[in-house]
């Protein structure tokens, strides 16, 4: 009997986000480094952590509001986000989340 493992709904592999140095901040800032996770269809996931730990940055990348510095995101096995890829906020209305502040997307 061949039991094939189902493709995860969402896969994050080696995700990273680095903000370059700018006025008021002398050094570059790595917020997320080498994050990998897998979420099954129908699974609920909670992201918790202190202020400034990268929760909103992670969600912004998953919703394609921001690009990663490294790594990739796959939705149902299809790569939807990688460094340099074109952003598609909400990825064709398949990804959504409620932000801390009101935001309108095109």
PDB file of N, CA and C in Angstrom:
ATOM      1  N   UNK A   1       0.848  -1.171   0.000  1.00  0.00           N
ATOM      2  CA  UNK A   1       0.000   0.000   0.000  1.00  0.00           C
ATOM      3  C   UNK A   1       0.899   1.242   0.000  1.00  0.00           C
ATOM      4  N   UNK A   2       0.724   2.105  -0.991  1.00  0.00           N
ATOM      5  CA  UNK A   2       1.534   3.307  -1.116  1.00  0.00           C
ATOM      6  C   UNK A   2       0.791   4.485  -0.489  1.00  0.00           C
ATOM      7  N   UNK A   3       1.247   4.900   0.690  1.00  0.00           N
ATOM      8  CA  UNK A   3       0.626   6.017   1.408  1.00  0.00           C
ATOM      9  C   UNK A   3       1.447   7.270   1.115  1.00  0.00           C
ATOM     10  N   UNK A   4       0.940   8.128   0.256  1.00  0.00           N
ATOM     11  CA  UNK A   4       1.648   9.346  -0.109  1.00  0.00           C
ATOM     12  C   UNK A   4       1.293  10.454   0.885  1.00  0.00           C
ATOM     13  N   UNK A   5       2.320  11.160   1.373  1.00  0.00           N
ATOM     14  CA  UNK A   5       2.097  12.265   2.288  1.00  0.00           C
ATOM     15  C   UNK A   5       1.477  13.419   1.511  1.00  0.00           C
ATOM     16  N   UNK A   6       0.352  13.986   2.006  1.00  0.00           N
ATOM     17  CA  UNK A   6      -0.268  15.091   1.276  1.00  0.00           C
ATOM     18  C   UNK A   6       0.625  16.329   1.288  1.00  0.00           C
ATOM     19  N   UNK A   7       0.520  17.134   0.234  1.00  0.00           N
ATOM     20  CA  UNK A   7       1.267  18.385   0.148  1.00  0.00           C
ATOM     21  C   UNK A   7       0.710  19.342   1.196  1.00  0.00           C
ATOM     22  N   UNK A   8       1.579  19.951   2.005  1.00  0.00           N
ATOM     23  CA  UNK A   8       1.085  20.925   2.985  1.00  0.00           C
ATOM     24  C   UNK A   8       0.392  22.093   2.286  1.00  0.00           C
ATOM     25  N   UNK A   9      -0.552  22.699   2.957  1.00  0.00           N
ATOM     26  CA  UNK A   9      -1.245  23.872   2.422  1.00  0.00           C
ATOM     27  C   UNK A   9      -0.267  25.026   2.249  1.00  0.00           C
ATOM     28  N   UNK A  10       0.556  25.254   3.278  1.00  0.00           N
ATOM     29  CA  UNK A  10       1.516  26.348   3.258  1.00  0.00           C
ATOM     30  C   UNK A  10       2.856  25.835   3.745  1.00  0.00           C
ATOM     31  N   UNK A  11       3.917  26.123   2.988  1.00  0.00           N
ATOM     32  CA  UNK A  11       5.271  25.749   3.387  1.00  0.00           C
ATOM     33  C   UNK A  11       6.168  26.977   3.331  1.00  0.00           C
ATOM     34  N   UNK A  12       6.885  27.207   4.406  1.00  0.00           N
ATOM     35  CA  UNK A  12       7.862  28.285   4.481  1.00  0.00           C
ATOM     36  C   UNK A  12       9.211  27.610   4.655  1.00  0.00           C
ATOM     37  N   UNK A  13      10.175  27.963   3.797  1.00  0.00           N
ATOM     38  CA  UNK A  13      11.478  27.320   3.867  1.00  0.00           C
ATOM     39  C   UNK A  13      12.604  28.353   3.870  1.00  0.00           C
ATOM     40  N   UNK A  14      13.360  28.397   4.963  1.00  0.00           N
ATOM     41  CA  UNK A  14      14.531  29.262   5.068  1.00  0.00           C
ATOM     42  C   UNK A  14      14.229  30.743   4.953  1.00  0.00           C
ATOM     43  N   UNK A  15      13.033  31.161   5.342  1.00  0.00           N
ATOM     44  CA  UNK A  15      12.611  32.552   5.174  1.00  0.00           C
ATOM     45  C   UNK A  15      13.471  33.490   6.019  1.00  0.00           C
ATOM     46  N   UNK A  16      13.834  34.619   5.419  1.00  0.00           N
ATOM     47  CA  UNK A  16      14.644  35.621   6.109  1.00  0.00           C
ATOM     48  C   UNK A  16      14.184  37.005   5.692  1.00  0.00           C
ATOM     49  N   UNK A  17      14.294  37.955   6.616  1.00  0.00           N
ATOM     50  CA  UNK A  17      14.013  39.358   6.311  1.00  0.00           C
ATOM     51  C   UNK A  17      15.051  40.208   7.005  1.00  0.00           C
ATOM     52  N   UNK A  18      15.744  40.999   6.185  1.00  0.00           N
ATOM     53  CA  UNK A  18      16.796  41.886   6.677  1.00  0.00           C
ATOM     54  C   UNK A  18      16.479  43.297   6.199  1.00  0.00           C
ATOM     55  N   UNK A  19      16.480  44.230   7.121  1.00  0.00           N
ATOM     56  CA  UNK A  19      16.280  45.636   6.796  1.00  0.00           C
ATOM     57  C   UNK A  19      17.650  46.299   6.761  1.00  0.00           C
ATOM     58  N   UNK A  20      17.964  46.934   5.653  1.00  0.00           N
ATOM     59  CA  UNK A  20      19.264  47.571   5.489  1.00  0.00           C
ATOM     60  C   UNK A  20      19.404  48.785   6.400  1.00  0.00           C
ATOM     61  N   UNK A  21      20.642  49.183   6.655  1.00  0.00           N
ATOM     62  CA  UNK A  21      20.925  50.352   7.485  1.00  0.00           C
ATOM     63  C   UNK A  21      20.277  51.584   6.857  1.00  0.00           C
ATOM     64  N   UNK A  22      19.819  52.498   7.705  1.00  0.00           N
ATOM     65  CA  UNK A  22      19.233  53.750   7.227  1.00  0.00           C
ATOM     66  C   UNK A  22      19.456  54.839   8.267  1.00  0.00           C
ATOM     67  N   UNK A  23      19.071  56.024   7.959  1.00  0.00           N
ATOM     68  CA  UNK A  23      19.254  57.148   8.878  1.00  0.00           C
ATOM     69  C   UNK A  23      18.572  56.828  10.209  1.00  0.00           C
ATOM     70  N   UNK A  24      19.276  57.057  11.287  1.00  0.00           N
ATOM     71  CA  UNK A  24      18.726  56.770  12.609  1.00  0.00           C
ATOM     72  C   UNK A  24      19.024  55.360  13.096  1.00  0.00           C
ATOM     73  N   UNK A  25      19.501  54.499  12.185  1.00  0.00           N
ATOM     74  CA  UNK A  25      19.857  53.129  12.558  1.00  0.00           C
ATOM     75  C   UNK A  25      21.136  52.799  11.806  1.00  0.00           C
ATOM     76  N   UNK A  26      22.224  52.711  12.530  1.00  0.00           N
ATOM     77  CA  UNK A  26      23.529  52.576  11.880  1.00  0.00           C
ATOM     78  C   UNK A  26      23.773  51.201  11.253  1.00  0.00           C
ATOM     79  N   UNK A  27      23.209  50.177  11.808  1.00  0.00           N
ATOM     80  CA  UNK A  27      23.484  48.822  11.307  1.00  0.00           C
ATOM     81  C   UNK A  27      22.233  48.215  10.677  1.00  0.00           C
ATOM     82  N   UNK A  28      22.448  47.269   9.767  1.00  0.00           N
ATOM     83  CA  UNK A  28      21.339  46.509   9.203  1.00  0.00           C
ATOM     84  C   UNK A  28      20.705  45.673  10.306  1.00  0.00           C
ATOM     85  N   UNK A  29      19.430  45.350  10.129  1.00  0.00           N
ATOM     86  CA  UNK A  29      18.697  44.629  11.161  1.00  0.00           C
ATOM     87  C   UNK A  29      18.075  43.370  10.560  1.00  0.00           C
ATOM     88  N   UNK A  30      18.460  42.200  11.066  1.00  0.00           N
ATOM     89  CA  UNK A  30      17.836  40.939  10.661  1.00  0.00           C
ATOM     90  C   UNK A  30      16.691  40.650  11.619  1.00  0.00           C
ATOM     91  N   UNK A  31      15.486  40.627  11.076  1.00  0.00           N
ATOM     92  CA  UNK A  31      14.298  40.405  11.904  1.00  0.00           C
ATOM     93  C   UNK A  31      13.930  38.922  11.920  1.00  0.00           C
ATOM     94  N   UNK A  32      14.040  38.267  10.766  1.00  0.00           N
ATOM     95  CA  UNK A  32      13.732  36.839  10.647  1.00  0.00           C
ATOM     96  C   UNK A  32      14.913  36.179   9.945  1.00  0.00           C
ATOM     97  N   UNK A  33      15.388  35.065  10.504  1.00  0.00           N
ATOM     98  CA  UNK A  33      16.504  34.339   9.925  1.00  0.00           C
ATOM     99  C   UNK A  33      16.181  32.849   9.848  1.00  0.00           C
ATOM    100  N   UNK A  34      16.236  32.283   8.654  1.00  0.00           N
ATOM    101  CA  UNK A  34      16.120  30.843   8.427  1.00  0.00           C
ATOM    102  C   UNK A  34      14.881  30.220   9.081  1.00  0.00           C
ATOM    103  N   UNK A  35      13.716  30.822   8.843  1.00  0.00           N
ATOM    104  CA  UNK A  35      12.456  30.315   9.392  1.00  0.00           C
ATOM    105  C   UNK A  35      11.845  29.298   8.445  1.00  0.00           C
ATOM    106  N   UNK A  36      11.539  28.122   8.957  1.00  0.00           N
ATOM    107  CA  UNK A  36      10.864  27.089   8.177  1.00  0.00           C
ATOM    108  C   UNK A  36       9.683  26.571   8.970  1.00  0.00           C
ATOM    109  N   UNK A  37       8.560  26.376   8.281  1.00  0.00           N
ATOM    110  CA  UNK A  37       7.369  25.807   8.918  1.00  0.00           C
ATOM    111  C   UNK A  37       6.463  25.246   7.853  1.00  0.00           C
ATOM    112  N   UNK A  38       5.554  24.405   8.279  1.00  0.00           N
ATOM    113  CA  UNK A  38       4.610  23.764   7.381  1.00  0.00           C
ATOM    114  C   UNK A  38       3.240  23.784   8.050  1.00  0.00           C
ATOM    115  N   UNK A  39       2.215  24.146   7.290  1.00  0.00           N
ATOM    116  CA  UNK A  39       0.856  24.218   7.818  1.00  0.00           C
ATOM    117  C   UNK A  39      -0.034  23.340   6.946  1.00  0.00           C
ATOM    118  N   UNK A  40      -0.742  22.426   7.580  1.00  0.00           N
ATOM    119  CA  UNK A  40      -1.642  21.524   6.861  1.00  0.00           C
ATOM    120  C   UNK A  40      -2.969  22.219   6.559  1.00  0.00           C
ATOM    121  N   UNK A  41      -3.662  21.749   5.538  1.00  0.00           N
ATOM    122  CA  UNK A  41      -4.989  22.252   5.196  1.00  0.00           C
ATOM    123  C   UNK A  41      -5.893  22.145   6.427  1.00  0.00           C
ATOM    124  N   UNK A  42      -6.557  23.238   6.795  1.00  0.00           N
ATOM    125  CA  UNK A  42      -7.473  23.248   7.933  1.00  0.00           C
ATOM    126  C   UNK A  42      -6.820  23.438   9.289  1.00  0.00           C
ATOM    127  N   UNK A  43      -5.506  23.451   9.338  1.00  0.00           N
ATOM    128  CA  UNK A  43      -4.793  23.615  10.607  1.00  0.00           C
ATOM    129  C   UNK A  43      -4.805  25.082  11.030  1.00  0.00           C
ATOM    130  N   UNK A  44      -4.961  25.333  12.332  1.00  0.00           N
ATOM    131  CA  UNK A  44      -4.901  26.680  12.887  1.00  0.00           C
ATOM    132  C   UNK A  44      -3.523  26.888  13.493  1.00  0.00           C
ATOM    133  N   UNK A  45      -2.921  28.036  13.216  1.00  0.00           N
ATOM    134  CA  UNK A  45      -1.588  28.353  13.720  1.00  0.00           C
ATOM    135  C   UNK A  45      -1.640  29.726  14.372  1.00  0.00           C
ATOM    136  N   UNK A  46      -1.000  29.850  15.518  1.00  0.00           N
ATOM    137  CA  UNK A  46      -0.907  31.131  16.209  1.00  0.00           C
ATOM    138  C   UNK A  46       0.552  31.537  16.258  1.00  0.00           C
ATOM    139  N   UNK A  47       0.817  32.789  15.916  1.00  0.00           N
ATOM    140  CA  UNK A  47       2.167  33.330  15.976  1.00  0.00           C
ATOM    141  C   UNK A  47       2.208  34.285  17.160  1.00  0.00           C
ATOM    142  N   UNK A  48       3.042  33.970  18.145  1.00  0.00           N
ATOM    143  CA  UNK A  48       3.141  34.809  19.340  1.00  0.00           C
ATOM    144  C   UNK A  48       4.592  35.218  19.575  1.00  0.00           C
ATOM    145  N   UNK A  49       4.763  36.335  20.254  1.00  0.00           N
ATOM    146  CA  UNK A  49       6.097  36.820  20.582  1.00  0.00           C
ATOM    147  C   UNK A  49       6.017  38.258  21.030  1.00  0.00           C
ATOM    148  N   UNK A  50       7.087  38.745  21.620  1.00  0.00           N
ATOM    149  CA  UNK A  50       7.091  40.126  22.097  1.00  0.00           C
ATOM    150  C   UNK A  50       7.082  41.130  20.943  1.00  0.00           C
ATOM    151  N   UNK A  51       6.758  42.358  21.249  1.00  0.00           N
ATOM    152  CA  UNK A  51       6.775  43.437  20.275  1.00  0.00           C
ATOM    153  C   UNK A  51       8.151  43.520  19.619  1.00  0.00           C
ATOM    154  N   UNK A  52       8.163  43.628  18.298  1.00  0.00           N
ATOM    155  CA  UNK A  52       9.417  43.738  17.568  1.00  0.00           C
ATOM    156  C   UNK A  52      10.078  42.426  17.224  1.00  0.00           C
ATOM    157  N   UNK A  53       9.412  41.301  17.480  1.00  0.00           N
ATOM    158  CA  UNK A  53      10.043  39.998  17.230  1.00  0.00           C
ATOM    159  C   UNK A  53       9.870  39.488  15.803  1.00  0.00           C
ATOM    160  N   UNK A  54       9.083  40.189  14.973  1.00  0.00           N
ATOM    161  CA  UNK A  54       8.952  39.800  13.569  1.00  0.00           C
ATOM    162  C   UNK A  54       7.622  39.189  13.177  1.00  0.00           C
ATOM    163  N   UNK A  55       6.629  39.191  14.070  1.00  0.00           N
ATOM    164  CA  UNK A  55       5.325  38.586  13.753  1.00  0.00           C
ATOM    165  C   UNK A  55       4.662  39.271  12.558  1.00  0.00           C
ATOM    166  N   UNK A  56       4.551  40.582  12.615  1.00  0.00           N
ATOM    167  CA  UNK A  56       3.918  41.327  11.516  1.00  0.00           C
ATOM    168  C   UNK A  56       4.745  41.232  10.248  1.00  0.00           C
ATOM    169  N   UNK A  57       6.052  41.233  10.363  1.00  0.00           N
ATOM    170  CA  UNK A  57       6.924  41.090   9.204  1.00  0.00           C
ATOM    171  C   UNK A  57       6.679  39.741   8.532  1.00  0.00           C
ATOM    172  N   UNK A  58       6.562  38.673   9.319  1.00  0.00           N
ATOM    173  CA  UNK A  58       6.260  37.350   8.771  1.00  0.00           C
ATOM    174  C   UNK A  58       4.925  37.364   8.045  1.00  0.00           C
ATOM    175  N   UNK A  59       3.891  37.885   8.680  1.00  0.00           N
ATOM    176  CA  UNK A  59       2.566  37.906   8.052  1.00  0.00           C
ATOM    177  C   UNK A  59       2.551  38.772   6.800  1.00  0.00           C
ATOM    178  N   UNK A  60       3.280  39.886   6.813  1.00  0.00           N
ATOM    179  CA  UNK A  60       3.356  40.731   5.621  1.00  0.00           C
ATOM    180  C   UNK A  60       4.009  39.991   4.460  1.00  0.00           C
ATOM    181  N   UNK A  61       5.002  39.170   4.747  1.00  0.00           N
ATOM    182  CA  UNK A  61       5.621  38.384   3.677  1.00  0.00           C
ATOM    183  C   UNK A  61       4.680  37.288   3.195  1.00  0.00           C
ATOM    184  N   UNK A  62       4.004  36.596   4.103  1.00  0.00           N
ATOM    185  CA  UNK A  62       3.079  35.534   3.697  1.00  0.00           C
ATOM    186  C   UNK A  62       1.934  36.085   2.856  1.00  0.00           C
ATOM    187  N   UNK A  63       1.480  37.300   3.180  1.00  0.00           N
ATOM    188  CA  UNK A  63       0.394  37.926   2.427  1.00  0.00           C
ATOM    189  C   UNK A  63       0.909  38.681   1.203  1.00  0.00           C
ATOM    190  N   UNK A  64       2.210  38.617   0.959  1.00  0.00           N
ATOM    191  CA  UNK A  64       2.881  39.246  -0.173  1.00  0.00           C
ATOM    192  C   UNK A  64       2.727  40.764  -0.177  1.00  0.00           C
ATOM    193  N   UNK A  65       2.817  41.347   0.993  1.00  0.00           N
ATOM    194  CA  UNK A  65       2.859  42.795   1.119  1.00  0.00           C
ATOM    195  C   UNK A  65       4.319  43.233   1.149  1.00  0.00           C
ATOM    196  N   UNK A  66       5.217  42.324   1.509  1.00  0.00           N
ATOM    197  CA  UNK A  66       6.645  42.609   1.594  1.00  0.00           C
ATOM    198  C   UNK A  66       7.433  41.409   1.072  1.00  0.00           C
ATOM    199  N   UNK A  67       8.599  41.676   0.489  1.00  0.00           N
ATOM    200  CA  UNK A  67       9.466  40.623  -0.061  1.00  0.00           C
ATOM    201  C   UNK A  67      10.418  40.102   1.003  1.00  0.00           C
ATOM    202  N   UNK A  68      10.762  38.824   0.939  1.00  0.00           N
ATOM    203  CA  UNK A  68      11.780  38.286   1.856  1.00  0.00           C
ATOM    204  C   UNK A  68      13.188  38.614   1.358  1.00  0.00           C
ATOM    205  N   UNK A  69      14.134  38.549   2.252  1.00  0.00           N
ATOM    206  CA  UNK A  69      15.546  38.685   1.881  1.00  0.00           C
ATOM    207  C   UNK A  69      16.116  37.336   1.474  1.00  0.00           C
ATOM    208  N   UNK A  70      15.483  36.265   1.917  1.00  0.00           N
ATOM    209  CA  UNK A  70      15.921  34.915   1.594  1.00  0.00           C
ATOM    210  C   UNK A  70      14.792  33.931   1.827  1.00  0.00           C
ATOM    211  N   UNK A  71      14.934  32.759   1.273  1.00  0.00           N
ATOM    212  CA  UNK A  71      13.949  31.698   1.482  1.00  0.00           C
ATOM    213  C   UNK A  71      12.801  31.761   0.499  1.00  0.00           C
ATOM    214  N   UNK A  72      11.805  30.914   0.727  1.00  0.00           N
ATOM    215  CA  UNK A  72      10.660  30.849  -0.175  1.00  0.00           C
ATOM    216  C   UNK A  72       9.399  30.460   0.579  1.00  0.00           C
ATOM    217  N   UNK A  73       8.258  30.725  -0.071  1.00  0.00           N
ATOM    218  CA  UNK A  73       6.947  30.356   0.459  1.00  0.00           C
ATOM    219  C   UNK A  73       6.209  29.618  -0.648  1.00  0.00           C
ATOM    220  N   UNK A  74       5.639  28.470  -0.307  1.00  0.00           N
ATOM    221  CA  UNK A  74       4.840  27.698  -1.248  1.00  0.00           C
ATOM    222  C   UNK A  74       3.420  27.564  -0.711  1.00  0.00           C
ATOM    223  N   UNK A  75       2.453  27.722  -1.606  1.00  0.00           N
ATOM    224  CA  UNK A  75       1.048  27.539  -1.283  1.00  0.00           C
ATOM    225  C   UNK A  75       0.543  26.385  -2.128  1.00  0.00           C
ATOM    226  N   UNK A  76       0.089  25.322  -1.469  1.00  0.00           N
ATOM    227  CA  UNK A  76      -0.358  24.107  -2.156  1.00  0.00           C
ATOM    228  C   UNK A  76       0.693  23.593  -3.153  1.00  0.00           C
ATOM    229  N   UNK A  77       1.975  23.696  -2.747  1.00  0.00           N
ATOM    230  CA  UNK A  77       3.061  23.170  -3.556  1.00  0.00           C
ATOM    231  C   UNK A  77       3.612  24.119  -4.605  1.00  0.00           C
ATOM    232  N   UNK A  78       2.960  25.243  -4.836  1.00  0.00           N
ATOM    233  CA  UNK A  78       3.417  26.214  -5.836  1.00  0.00           C
ATOM    234  C   UNK A  78       4.175  27.344  -5.145  1.00  0.00           C
ATOM    235  N   UNK A  79       5.381  27.651  -5.620  1.00  0.00           N
ATOM    236  CA  UNK A  79       6.160  28.742  -5.045  1.00  0.00           C
ATOM    237  C   UNK A  79       5.479  30.056  -5.379  1.00  0.00           C
ATOM    238  N   UNK A  80       5.098  30.790  -4.329  1.00  0.00           N
ATOM    239  CA  UNK A  80       4.412  32.062  -4.529  1.00  0.00           C
ATOM    240  C   UNK A  80       5.267  33.250  -4.103  1.00  0.00           C
ATOM    241  N   UNK A  81       6.375  32.991  -3.404  1.00  0.00           N
ATOM    242  CA  UNK A  81       7.198  34.090  -2.933  1.00  0.00           C
ATOM    243  C   UNK A  81       8.638  33.643  -2.757  1.00  0.00           C
ATOM    244  N   UNK A  82       9.537  34.446  -3.302  1.00  0.00           N
ATOM    245  CA  UNK A  82      10.975  34.232  -3.166  1.00  0.00           C
ATOM    246  C   UNK A  82      11.628  35.591  -3.382  1.00  0.00           C
ATOM    247  N   UNK A  83      12.884  35.755  -2.956  1.00  0.00           N
ATOM    248  CA  UNK A  83      13.539  37.047  -3.172  1.00  0.00           C
ATOM    249  C   UNK A  83      13.491  37.444  -4.652  1.00  0.00           C
ATOM    250  N   UNK A  84      13.108  38.695  -4.908  1.00  0.00           N
ATOM    251  CA  UNK A  84      13.040  39.199  -6.276  1.00  0.00           C
ATOM    252  C   UNK A  84      11.766  38.858  -7.021  1.00  0.00           C
ATOM    253  N   UNK A  85      10.886  38.056  -6.435  1.00  0.00           N
ATOM    254  CA  UNK A  85       9.645  37.706  -7.129  1.00  0.00           C
ATOM    255  C   UNK A  85       8.681  38.895  -7.105  1.00  0.00           C
ATOM    256  N   UNK A  86       7.747  38.879  -8.037  1.00  0.00           N
ATOM    257  CA  UNK A  86       6.732  39.921  -8.100  1.00  0.00           C
ATOM    258  C   UNK A  86       5.716  39.697  -6.995  1.00  0.00           C
ATOM    259  N   UNK A  87       5.400  40.768  -6.268  1.00  0.00           N
ATOM    260  CA  UNK A  87       4.423  40.654  -5.190  1.00  0.00           C
ATOM    261  C   UNK A  87       3.012  40.626  -5.759  1.00  0.00           C
ATOM    262  N   UNK A  88       2.153  39.821  -5.153  1.00  0.00           N
ATOM    263  CA  UNK A  88       0.736  39.745  -5.491  1.00  0.00           C
ATOM    264  C   UNK A  88      -0.023  39.766  -4.168  1.00  0.00           C
ATOM    265  N   UNK A  89      -0.235  40.976  -3.587  1.00  0.00           N
ATOM    266  CA  UNK A  89      -0.870  41.047  -2.260  1.00  0.00           C
ATOM    267  C   UNK A  89      -2.128  40.183  -2.176  1.00  0.00           C
ATOM    268  N   UNK A  90      -2.173  39.355  -1.148  1.00  0.00           N
ATOM    269  CA  UNK A  90      -3.298  38.449  -0.943  1.00  0.00           C
ATOM    270  C   UNK A  90      -3.256  37.222  -1.833  1.00  0.00           C
ATOM    271  N   UNK A  91      -2.254  37.153  -2.702  1.00  0.00           N
ATOM    272  CA  UNK A  91      -2.068  36.060  -3.647  1.00  0.00           C
ATOM    273  C   UNK A  91      -3.378  35.577  -4.223  1.00  0.00           C
ATOM    274  N   UNK A  92      -3.947  36.416  -5.052  1.00  0.00           N
ATOM    275  CA  UNK A  92      -5.187  36.112  -5.769  1.00  0.00           C
ATOM    276  C   UNK A  92      -6.322  35.751  -4.810  1.00  0.00           C
ATOM    277  N   UNK A  93      -6.420  36.510  -3.728  1.00  0.00           N
ATOM    278  CA  UNK A  93      -7.496  36.379  -2.729  1.00  0.00           C
ATOM    279  C   UNK A  93      -7.494  35.025  -2.021  1.00  0.00           C
ATOM    280  N   UNK A  94      -6.345  34.366  -1.928  1.00  0.00           N
ATOM    281  CA  UNK A  94      -6.270  33.094  -1.229  1.00  0.00           C
ATOM    282  C   UNK A  94      -5.622  33.219   0.146  1.00  0.00           C
ATOM    283  N   UNK A  95      -4.986  34.361   0.423  1.00  0.00           N
ATOM    284  CA  UNK A  95      -4.348  34.585   1.711  1.00  0.00           C
ATOM    285  C   UNK A  95      -4.875  35.890   2.275  1.00  0.00           C
ATOM    286  N   UNK A  96      -5.255  35.893   3.533  1.00  0.00           N
ATOM    287  CA  UNK A  96      -5.699  37.116   4.172  1.00  0.00           C
ATOM    288  C   UNK A  96      -5.447  37.052   5.663  1.00  0.00           C
ATOM    289  N   UNK A  97      -5.299  38.209   6.259  1.00  0.00           N
ATOM    290  CA  UNK A  97      -5.188  38.292   7.714  1.00  0.00           C
ATOM    291  C   UNK A  97      -5.577  39.683   8.158  1.00  0.00           C
ATOM    292  N   UNK A  98      -5.900  39.823   9.418  1.00  0.00           N
ATOM    293  CA  UNK A  98      -6.290  41.094   9.983  1.00  0.00           C
ATOM    294  C   UNK A  98      -5.065  41.733  10.622  1.00  0.00           C
ATOM    295  N   UNK A  99      -4.723  42.946  10.196  1.00  0.00           N
ATOM    296  CA  UNK A  99      -3.549  43.639  10.700  1.00  0.00           C
ATOM    297  C   UNK A  99      -3.876  44.414  11.977  1.00  0.00           C
ATOM    298  N   UNK A 100      -2.821  44.887  12.637  1.00  0.00           N
ATOM    299  CA  UNK A 100      -3.002  45.702  13.845  1.00  0.00           C
ATOM    300  C   UNK A 100      -3.681  47.018  13.522  1.00  0.00           C
ATOM    301  N   UNK A 101      -3.368  47.563  12.353  1.00  0.00           N
ATOM    302  CA  UNK A 101      -3.944  48.825  11.905  1.00  0.00           C
ATOM    303  C   UNK A 101      -4.711  48.589  10.619  1.00  0.00           C
ATOM    304  N   UNK A 102      -5.709  49.444  10.360  1.00  0.00           N
ATOM    305  CA  UNK A 102      -6.488  49.311   9.144  1.00  0.00           C
ATOM    306  C   UNK A 102      -5.602  49.523   7.920  1.00  0.00           C
ATOM    307  N   UNK A 103      -5.697  48.636   6.948  1.00  0.00           N
ATOM    308  CA  UNK A 103      -4.946  48.741   5.696  1.00  0.00           C
ATOM    309  C   UNK A 103      -5.872  48.390   4.541  1.00  0.00           C
ATOM    310  N   UNK A 104      -5.730  49.112   3.457  1.00  0.00           N
ATOM    311  CA  UNK A 104      -6.453  48.775   2.237  1.00  0.00           C
ATOM    312  C   UNK A 104      -5.431  48.369   1.200  1.00  0.00           C
ATOM    313  N   UNK A 105      -5.670  47.262   0.548  1.00  0.00           N
ATOM    314  CA  UNK A 105      -4.769  46.769  -0.495  1.00  0.00           C
ATOM    315  C   UNK A 105      -5.410  47.003  -1.848  1.00  0.00           C
ATOM    316  N   UNK A 106      -4.601  47.213  -2.880  1.00  0.00           N
ATOM    317  CA  UNK A 106      -5.170  47.404  -4.232  1.00  0.00           C
ATOM    318  C   UNK A 106      -5.876  46.145  -4.702  1.00  0.00           C
TER     319      UNK A 106
END
